[in-house]
């Protein structure tokens, strides 16, 4: 399991989410796609927590 370092700045968090969404569309390796997808889910979960 990979641990994602979540930025404290919400703007940086949103930029990281956007970058991962882009990267997932361009990944050619299933392994990389799975890693990026898990990181994206963790970051989105944190963003939702901050919004509430």
Protein backbone atom coordinates (compact mmCIF):
# COMPACT_ATOMS: atom_id res chain seq x y z
CA UNK A 1 0.00 0.00 0.00
CA UNK A 2 1.25 3.44 -0.91
CA UNK A 3 0.80 6.34 1.47
CA UNK A 4 -0.22 9.62 -0.13
CA UNK A 5 1.15 12.84 1.33
CA UNK A 6 -1.81 15.21 1.37
CA UNK A 7 -0.97 18.90 1.02
CA UNK A 8 -2.21 21.21 3.76
CA UNK A 9 -3.12 23.90 1.22
CA UNK A 10 -6.53 23.19 -0.37
CA UNK A 11 -5.51 24.88 -3.63
CA UNK A 12 -2.50 22.57 -3.93
CA UNK A 13 -4.77 19.63 -3.15
CA UNK A 14 -7.10 20.60 -6.00
CA UNK A 15 -4.17 20.99 -8.40
CA UNK A 16 -2.85 17.58 -7.42
CA UNK A 17 -6.28 16.05 -8.07
CA UNK A 18 -6.41 17.67 -11.51
CA UNK A 19 -2.91 16.41 -12.33
CA UNK A 20 -3.77 12.86 -11.32
CA UNK A 21 -7.00 12.91 -13.34
CA UNK A 22 -4.95 13.94 -16.38
CA UNK A 23 -2.26 11.35 -15.69
CA UNK A 24 -4.75 8.50 -15.34
CA UNK A 25 -6.10 9.25 -18.82
CA UNK A 26 -2.58 8.97 -20.26
CA UNK A 27 -1.19 6.03 -18.26
CA UNK A 28 -0.16 3.10 -20.41
CA UNK A 29 0.69 0.76 -17.53
CA UNK A 30 -2.12 -0.83 -15.53
CA UNK A 31 0.13 -0.81 -12.46
CA UNK A 32 0.67 2.96 -12.73
CA UNK A 33 -3.02 3.54 -13.40
CA UNK A 34 -3.97 1.58 -10.27
CA UNK A 35 -1.47 3.52 -8.13
CA UNK A 36 -2.66 6.87 -9.46
CA UNK A 37 -6.31 5.90 -9.07
CA UNK A 38 -5.80 5.00 -5.41
CA UNK A 39 -3.96 8.27 -4.77
CA UNK A 40 -6.74 10.18 -6.52
CA UNK A 41 -9.40 8.54 -4.35
CA UNK A 42 -7.47 9.41 -1.18
CA UNK A 43 -7.07 13.04 -2.26
CA UNK A 44 -10.72 13.40 -3.25
CA UNK A 45 -11.79 11.91 0.08
CA UNK A 46 -9.68 14.53 1.89
CA UNK A 47 -11.09 17.34 -0.25
CA UNK A 48 -14.64 16.24 0.57
CA UNK A 49 -13.75 16.15 4.27
CA UNK A 50 -12.45 19.72 4.07
CA UNK A 51 -15.54 20.98 2.28
CA UNK A 52 -17.90 19.61 4.95
